Amino acid sequence: MVNLLNISDEVLSSRDIAQFNQDGFLHLKDVLNPSEVHDLRQAVGAQLRNKSKTTTGYDFESLAYQLWSDEDDIDSGEAMRFDLELYRHIIKQDETARPIREKSNHDLNGEGMFFYEAAGWRNHHEIRDVAFDSKLPPLCAKLLDTSYLNFWEDTTFVKGPNTPQKTTFHQDYTYFQIQGLKCCVVWIPLDKASRKTGAMQYVRGSHLWGHTFAPNVFIAQTPLLDAPDPKLPDIEANPDDYDIVTVEAEPGDVIIHHVLTIHGAKGNMSEDQIRRAISFRYCGDDIRYFDRPGAIPQPYISNPLPDGTPLYSRDYPLVWPKPAPEIKLAPLFRSDHIAI
């Protein structure tokens, strides 16, 4: 049996920690095993099969096409997490708003797919298994230098072939209802993420800028309503002004970034390669709940917390330390035990 108490020492060196603290992100190879990658693919496959019925899943490629083409009604299936008419309104009021897409010699509007889904851990044991019981919790706990670790949420991002929609540069912190600095996001590629298929991009050192920026609508730079922070600089239009690092990654790799690190992702301009990925968010011992203006409402929350309290809630499972190394946490959170 693998002892997860020591696994972070095997995977994470002092040099890795120094690089994370300096750059704001860290690419680690071969952290997840093939079985874990397979299981996450199974969960994402189930999410894709259910995409027309989910209340929290969206196709951002389709939404961008509809928003920029001024169609009368926005069709997002059964999804209702976001107020899309409000999004349309605030984008129209933003004189600087424009599509954030890869250049193409072909008209690809509406052809691709940029699927987004959240809180899959509540419905898919495969996601819980990896998020709670893999190498990731002890690794992130060591990276954040925290005495304990809570799981905040997961998000799925799938970019199909011929999808020019980029993931607009943004800073995760202001999307979350948190205060504190010990928070990281683990981005997990389930297919090869290359410059052509949609690799992640990070603004090196941006977590040290000392600023927080308003969350945007992902398909444009327009800030979300009620967000008090300033708009992020136009990095897409001025890439040479920033230290942007494009990180190509393979299945089994993980890229971990600090919650303040500014990042985005390229579109998938391949003709036949899908790019599936899932991200996990972990919070350390200085994180407190804060109902931040402009933050995206979390789905399925059963026990809203007061501002200023630690994340002591079944909605944010404590994933490190474990009561004993051999205990599996994921089975304690079976779907039939979770209100959704």
Protein backbone atom coordinates (compact mmCIF):
# COMPACT_ATOMS: atom_id res chain seq x y z
CA MET A 1 0.00 0.00 0.00
CA VAL A 2 1.30 3.47 -0.91
CA ASN A 3 1.78 5.71 2.12
CA LEU A 4 0.41 9.09 1.15
CA LEU A 5 2.03 10.66 4.20
CA ASN A 6 5.36 10.48 2.37
CA ILE A 7 4.21 10.77 -1.22
CA SER A 8 4.56 14.56 -1.33
CA ASP A 9 8.26 14.19 -0.51
CA GLU A 10 8.68 11.81 -3.44
CA VAL A 11 6.87 14.06 -5.92
CA LEU A 12 7.66 17.54 -4.64
CA SER A 13 11.18 18.87 -4.05
CA SER A 14 12.27 22.02 -2.25
CA ARG A 15 13.24 23.37 -5.67
CA ASP A 16 9.67 22.75 -6.90
CA ILE A 17 8.26 24.68 -3.96
CA ALA A 18 10.63 27.57 -4.59
CA GLN A 19 9.64 27.64 -8.25
CA PHE A 20 5.94 27.65 -7.39
CA ASN A 21 6.44 30.51 -4.95
CA GLN A 22 8.43 32.48 -7.53
CA ASP A 23 6.46 31.78 -10.71
CA GLY A 24 2.96 31.19 -9.35
CA PHE A 25 2.59 27.85 -11.15
CA LEU A 26 4.29 24.48 -11.31
CA HIS A 27 4.20 21.73 -13.94
CA LEU A 28 4.71 18.24 -12.49
CA LYS A 29 4.94 15.20 -14.74
CA ASP A 30 3.42 11.76 -14.15
CA VAL A 31 1.64 12.59 -10.89
CA LEU A 32 -1.53 10.66 -11.69
CA ASN A 33 -1.41 7.04 -12.81
CA PRO A 34 -3.13 5.69 -15.96
CA SER A 35 -6.02 4.27 -13.91
CA GLU A 36 -6.76 7.67 -12.37
CA VAL A 37 -6.61 9.36 -15.77
CA HIS A 38 -8.95 6.70 -17.16
CA ASP A 39 -11.41 7.22 -14.32
CA LEU A 40 -11.48 10.97 -14.82
CA ARG A 41 -12.07 10.45 -18.54
CA GLN A 42 -15.01 8.22 -17.66
CA ALA A 43 -16.52 10.95 -15.50
CA VAL A 44 -15.99 13.64 -18.13
CA GLY A 45 -17.53 11.32 -20.73
CA ALA A 46 -20.63 10.99 -18.56
CA GLN A 47 -20.79 14.76 -18.19
CA LEU A 48 -20.60 15.21 -21.96
CA ARG A 49 -23.36 12.67 -22.54
CA ASN A 50 -25.54 14.62 -20.11
CA LYS A 51 -24.63 18.09 -21.37
CA SER A 52 -28.07 18.84 -22.82
CA LYS A 53 -29.74 18.07 -19.49
CA THR A 54 -27.41 19.49 -16.86
CA THR A 55 -28.31 22.69 -15.01
CA THR A 56 -24.67 23.71 -14.55
CA GLY A 57 -23.03 22.81 -17.88
CA TYR A 58 -22.47 25.22 -20.77
CA ASP A 59 -20.93 25.27 -24.22
CA PHE A 60 -18.98 28.53 -24.19
CA GLU A 61 -18.19 28.22 -27.90
CA SER A 62 -21.89 28.14 -28.72
CA LEU A 63 -22.67 30.92 -26.26
CA ALA A 64 -19.96 33.16 -27.72
CA TYR A 65 -21.31 32.60 -31.23
CA GLN A 66 -24.82 33.47 -30.07
CA LEU A 67 -23.75 36.54 -28.10
CA TRP A 68 -21.61 38.04 -30.82
CA SER A 69 -24.13 37.28 -33.59
CA ASP A 70 -26.93 39.07 -31.69
CA GLU A 71 -29.36 36.18 -31.88
CA ASP A 72 -32.66 37.01 -30.19
CA ASP A 73 -32.70 34.11 -27.73
CA ILE A 74 -29.71 32.45 -26.13
CA ASP A 75 -30.04 28.68 -26.06
CA SER A 76 -28.12 27.03 -23.23
CA GLY A 77 -30.24 23.91 -22.81
CA GLU A 78 -31.24 23.25 -19.20
CA ALA A 79 -28.35 25.23 -17.73
CA MET A 80 -29.31 28.00 -15.33
CA ARG A 81 -26.24 28.80 -13.24
CA PHE A 82 -25.49 31.99 -15.18
CA ASP A 83 -27.85 34.82 -16.14
CA LEU A 84 -26.99 34.87 -19.83
CA GLU A 85 -29.24 37.81 -20.66
CA LEU A 86 -27.41 39.79 -18.01
CA TYR A 87 -24.10 38.69 -19.54
CA ARG A 88 -25.30 39.88 -22.94
CA HIS A 89 -26.28 43.23 -21.41
CA ILE A 90 -22.99 43.90 -19.65
CA ILE A 91 -20.99 42.87 -22.72
CA LYS A 92 -23.02 45.26 -24.89
CA GLN A 93 -22.38 48.05 -22.39
CA ASP A 94 -18.62 47.43 -22.56
CA GLU A 95 -17.29 49.48 -25.47
CA THR A 96 -13.99 47.56 -25.38
CA ALA A 97 -15.61 44.11 -25.52
CA ARG A 98 -14.57 41.90 -28.40
CA PRO A 99 -14.36 38.18 -29.17
CA ILE A 100 -11.28 36.49 -27.70
CA ARG A 101 -10.59 33.84 -30.32
CA GLU A 102 -7.77 32.24 -32.25
CA LYS A 103 -7.22 33.49 -35.77
CA SER A 104 -8.42 31.15 -38.49
CA ASN A 105 -8.58 31.13 -42.27
CA HIS A 106 -11.96 29.44 -42.05
CA ASP A 107 -15.32 30.47 -40.64
CA LEU A 108 -15.52 28.21 -37.58
CA ASN A 109 -18.27 30.09 -35.74
CA GLY A 110 -20.36 27.56 -33.88
CA GLU A 111 -18.54 24.52 -35.27
CA GLY A 112 -16.48 23.59 -32.21
CA MET A 113 -17.31 23.00 -28.54
CA PHE A 114 -16.01 24.53 -25.31
CA PHE A 115 -17.84 22.54 -22.66
CA TYR A 116 -17.82 23.76 -19.06
CA GLU A 117 -19.24 21.89 -16.08
CA ALA A 118 -18.82 22.35 -12.32
CA ALA A 119 -19.16 20.39 -9.07
CA GLY A 120 -18.79 17.00 -10.72
CA TRP A 121 -17.51 15.57 -7.42
CA ARG A 122 -21.08 15.50 -6.16
CA ASN A 123 -22.26 13.12 -8.89
CA HIS A 124 -19.21 11.16 -10.04
CA HIS A 125 -17.25 8.92 -7.69
CA GLU A 126 -14.34 8.89 -10.14
CA ILE A 127 -13.80 12.61 -9.52
CA ARG A 128 -14.10 12.19 -5.76
CA ASP A 129 -11.65 9.29 -5.81
CA VAL A 130 -8.91 11.37 -7.43
CA ALA A 131 -9.70 14.66 -5.70
CA PHE A 132 -9.81 13.15 -2.20
CA ASP A 133 -7.66 10.00 -2.25
CA SER A 134 -4.84 10.50 -4.77
CA LYS A 135 -1.40 12.07 -4.32
CA LEU A 136 -2.93 15.50 -4.87
CA PRO A 137 -4.12 16.48 -1.34
CA PRO A 138 -0.79 15.82 0.45
CA LEU A 139 1.11 17.34 -2.46
CA CYS A 140 -0.96 20.55 -2.36
CA ALA A 141 -0.83 20.68 1.43
CA LYS A 142 2.96 20.65 1.30
CA LEU A 143 3.05 23.18 -1.53
CA LEU A 144 0.81 25.57 0.40
CA ASP A 145 2.53 24.91 3.75
CA THR A 146 -0.82 24.32 5.42
CA SER A 147 -1.82 22.19 8.40
CA TYR A 148 -5.04 21.08 6.72
CA LEU A 149 -6.69 21.19 3.32
CA ASN A 150 -10.30 21.56 2.19
CA PHE A 151 -11.61 20.71 -1.26
CA TRP A 152 -13.44 23.71 -2.74
CA GLU A 153 -14.78 22.56 -6.13
CA ASP A 154 -13.93 20.95 -9.45
CA THR A 155 -14.52 22.23 -12.95
CA THR A 156 -14.44 20.40 -16.27
CA PHE A 157 -13.19 22.10 -19.46
CA VAL A 158 -13.47 20.33 -22.82
CA LYS A 159 -12.41 21.95 -26.08
CA GLY A 160 -13.34 19.99 -29.15
CA PRO A 161 -11.57 20.24 -32.50
CA ASN A 162 -12.05 23.45 -34.49
CA THR A 163 -12.77 25.54 -31.38
CA PRO A 164 -11.16 28.99 -31.72
CA GLN A 165 -12.64 30.27 -28.44
CA LYS A 166 -9.84 31.01 -26.01
CA THR A 167 -10.15 30.97 -22.25
CA THR A 168 -9.74 34.67 -21.57
CA PHE A 169 -6.95 35.59 -19.16
CA HIS A 170 -8.32 35.83 -15.64
CA GLN A 171 -7.49 35.47 -11.95
CA ASP A 172 -9.37 32.71 -10.10
CA TYR A 173 -9.38 34.35 -6.68
CA THR A 174 -12.22 36.78 -7.33
CA TYR A 175 -14.49 34.04 -8.73
CA PHE A 176 -14.42 32.26 -5.34
CA GLN A 177 -16.16 33.13 -2.08
CA ILE A 178 -12.92 33.10 -0.09
CA GLN A 179 -10.40 35.28 1.68
CA GLY A 180 -6.84 34.16 2.34
CA LEU A 181 -3.80 33.16 0.31
CA LYS A 182 -3.33 29.41 0.81
CA CYS A 183 -5.36 28.27 -2.16
CA CYS A 184 -4.24 26.51 -5.32
CA VAL A 185 -5.82 25.12 -8.46
CA VAL A 186 -4.71 21.80 -9.98
CA TRP A 187 -5.24 21.62 -13.76
CA ILE A 188 -5.29 18.05 -15.06
CA PRO A 189 -5.03 17.33 -18.80
CA LEU A 190 -6.83 14.16 -19.89
CA ASP A 191 -5.48 14.49 -23.45
CA LYS A 192 -2.28 16.04 -24.72
CA ALA A 193 -2.56 19.80 -24.25
CA SER A 194 -0.40 21.42 -26.90
CA ARG A 195 -0.20 24.88 -28.38
CA LYS A 196 -2.50 23.65 -31.12
CA THR A 197 -5.08 21.86 -28.96
CA GLY A 198 -5.44 24.35 -26.10
CA ALA A 199 -2.43 24.55 -23.78
CA MET A 200 -2.60 26.54 -20.57
CA GLN A 201 -0.87 29.93 -20.40
CA TYR A 202 0.36 31.65 -17.24
CA VAL A 203 1.59 35.17 -16.56
CA ARG A 204 4.70 34.32 -14.61
CA GLY A 205 4.96 36.06 -11.24
CA SER A 206 1.52 37.68 -11.48
CA HIS A 207 0.52 36.25 -8.09
CA LEU A 208 3.07 38.66 -6.59
CA TRP A 209 1.64 41.80 -8.19
CA GLY A 210 -0.32 42.62 -5.04
CA HIS A 211 -3.57 43.20 -6.94
CA THR A 212 -6.87 41.44 -7.34
CA PHE A 213 -8.86 41.85 -10.54
CA ALA A 214 -12.53 41.57 -11.34
CA PRO A 215 -13.72 38.21 -12.67
CA ASN A 216 -14.73 38.25 -16.32
CA VAL A 217 -17.27 36.32 -18.38
CA PHE A 218 -14.61 33.91 -19.78
CA ILE A 219 -15.55 34.54 -23.43
CA ALA A 220 -14.72 38.24 -23.18
CA GLN A 221 -12.75 40.53 -20.89
CA THR A 222 -15.88 42.25 -19.58
CA PRO A 223 -16.00 42.18 -15.76
CA LEU A 224 -18.92 40.56 -14.01
CA LEU A 225 -21.55 42.82 -12.48
CA ASP A 226 -20.96 44.09 -8.91
CA ALA A 227 -17.28 43.11 -8.91
CA PRO A 228 -15.47 45.91 -7.02
CA ASP A 229 -11.97 45.14 -8.30
CA PRO A 230 -10.49 46.79 -11.42
CA LYS A 231 -10.62 45.14 -14.82
CA LEU A 232 -7.65 42.99 -15.76
CA PRO A 233 -5.25 44.67 -18.22
CA ASP A 234 -5.74 43.73 -21.87
CA ILE A 235 -3.15 40.96 -21.92
CA GLU A 236 -4.53 39.40 -25.12
CA ALA A 237 -3.86 42.61 -27.07
CA ASN A 238 -0.41 43.19 -25.54
CA PRO A 239 1.17 39.77 -24.96
CA ASP A 240 4.72 41.06 -25.37
CA ASP A 241 4.26 43.26 -22.31
CA TYR A 242 3.88 40.22 -20.06
CA ASP A 243 5.94 37.16 -19.20
CA ILE A 244 3.50 34.61 -20.62
CA VAL A 245 4.49 30.95 -20.37
CA THR A 246 2.65 28.37 -22.46
CA VAL A 247 2.74 24.97 -20.76
CA GLU A 248 2.24 21.89 -22.89
CA ALA A 249 1.25 18.86 -20.81
CA GLU A 250 0.45 15.17 -21.13
CA PRO A 251 -2.17 12.98 -19.43
CA GLY A 252 -0.85 12.09 -15.97
CA ASP A 253 0.78 15.50 -15.59
CA VAL A 254 -0.66 18.24 -13.40
CA ILE A 255 -0.18 21.99 -13.48
CA ILE A 256 -0.71 23.67 -10.13
CA HIS A 257 -1.16 27.43 -9.94
CA HIS A 258 -1.68 29.87 -7.10
CA VAL A 259 -5.18 31.30 -6.85
CA LEU A 260 -3.81 34.80 -7.62
CA THR A 261 -1.89 33.74 -10.75
CA ILE A 262 -3.29 35.19 -13.96
CA HIS A 263 -3.83 32.55 -16.61
CA GLY A 264 -5.82 31.58 -19.67
CA ALA A 265 -5.81 28.92 -22.37
CA LYS A 266 -5.55 28.73 -26.11
CA GLY A 267 -8.33 27.51 -28.38
CA ASN A 268 -8.26 24.07 -29.94
CA MET A 269 -7.32 24.63 -33.56
CA SER A 270 -6.70 20.98 -34.37
CA GLU A 271 -9.04 19.26 -36.80
CA ASP A 272 -9.46 15.94 -35.01
CA GLN A 273 -8.11 16.11 -31.44
CA ILE A 274 -10.24 16.73 -28.38
CA ARG A 275 -8.72 18.42 -25.32
CA ARG A 276 -10.36 17.28 -22.10
CA ALA A 277 -9.26 18.68 -18.76
CA ILE A 278 -10.49 18.94 -15.20
CA SER A 279 -9.39 21.26 -12.42
CA PHE A 280 -9.50 20.83 -8.63
CA ARG A 281 -9.41 23.71 -6.15
CA TYR A 282 -7.90 23.22 -2.67
CA CYS A 283 -7.98 25.64 0.27
CA GLY A 284 -5.55 25.78 3.20
CA ASP A 285 -5.71 26.81 6.83
CA ASP A 286 -5.82 30.61 6.35
CA ILE A 287 -8.83 30.53 4.02
CA ARG A 288 -12.09 31.96 5.35
CA TYR A 289 -15.47 32.09 3.68
CA PHE A 290 -16.36 35.46 2.17
CA ASP A 291 -19.45 36.12 0.07
CA ARG A 292 -17.49 38.19 -2.40
CA PRO A 293 -19.39 40.66 -4.61
CA GLY A 294 -19.17 39.55 -8.23
CA ALA A 295 -18.12 35.97 -7.43
CA ILE A 296 -19.90 33.18 -9.30
CA PRO A 297 -22.55 31.51 -7.12
CA GLN A 298 -21.61 27.91 -6.33
CA PRO A 299 -24.15 25.24 -7.23
CA TYR A 300 -25.65 22.72 -4.81
CA ILE A 301 -24.49 24.43 -1.60
CA SER A 302 -26.42 22.85 1.28
CA ASN A 303 -24.97 24.76 4.24
CA PRO A 304 -24.17 28.43 3.50
CA LEU A 305 -21.40 29.71 5.74
CA PRO A 306 -21.18 33.09 7.49
CA ASP A 307 -18.42 35.40 6.36
CA GLY A 308 -15.15 35.01 8.22
CA THR A 309 -15.57 31.35 9.16
CA PRO A 310 -13.24 28.47 8.22
CA LEU A 311 -14.54 26.02 5.63
CA TYR A 312 -16.02 23.67 8.23
CA SER A 313 -18.81 22.28 6.08
CA ARG A 314 -19.76 19.12 4.22
CA ASP A 315 -19.81 21.31 1.12
CA TYR A 316 -16.02 21.68 1.46
CA PRO A 317 -14.68 18.26 2.48
CA LEU A 318 -11.57 18.09 4.64
CA VAL A 319 -9.20 16.02 2.50
CA TRP A 320 -5.94 16.41 4.45
CA PRO A 321 -4.78 15.19 6.86
CA LYS A 322 -6.60 11.87 6.91
CA PRO A 323 -7.53 10.18 10.22
CA ALA A 324 -5.33 7.29 9.08
CA PRO A 325 -3.25 6.77 5.90
CA GLU A 326 -5.29 3.77 4.70
CA ILE A 327 -8.69 5.47 4.98
CA LYS A 328 -10.46 6.31 1.74
CA LEU A 329 -12.44 9.54 2.02
CA ALA A 330 -14.33 9.44 -1.28
CA PRO A 331 -16.77 6.65 -0.23
CA LEU A 332 -17.89 8.83 2.69
CA PHE A 333 -19.33 11.28 0.19
CA ARG A 334 -21.44 9.00 -1.99
CA SER A 335 -23.83 10.83 -4.30
CA ASP A 336 -26.89 9.63 -2.40
CA HIS A 337 -25.51 11.34 0.71
CA ILE A 338 -25.05 14.72 -0.97
CA ALA A 339 -27.90 17.15 -1.53
CA ILE A 340 -27.91 18.36 -5.13
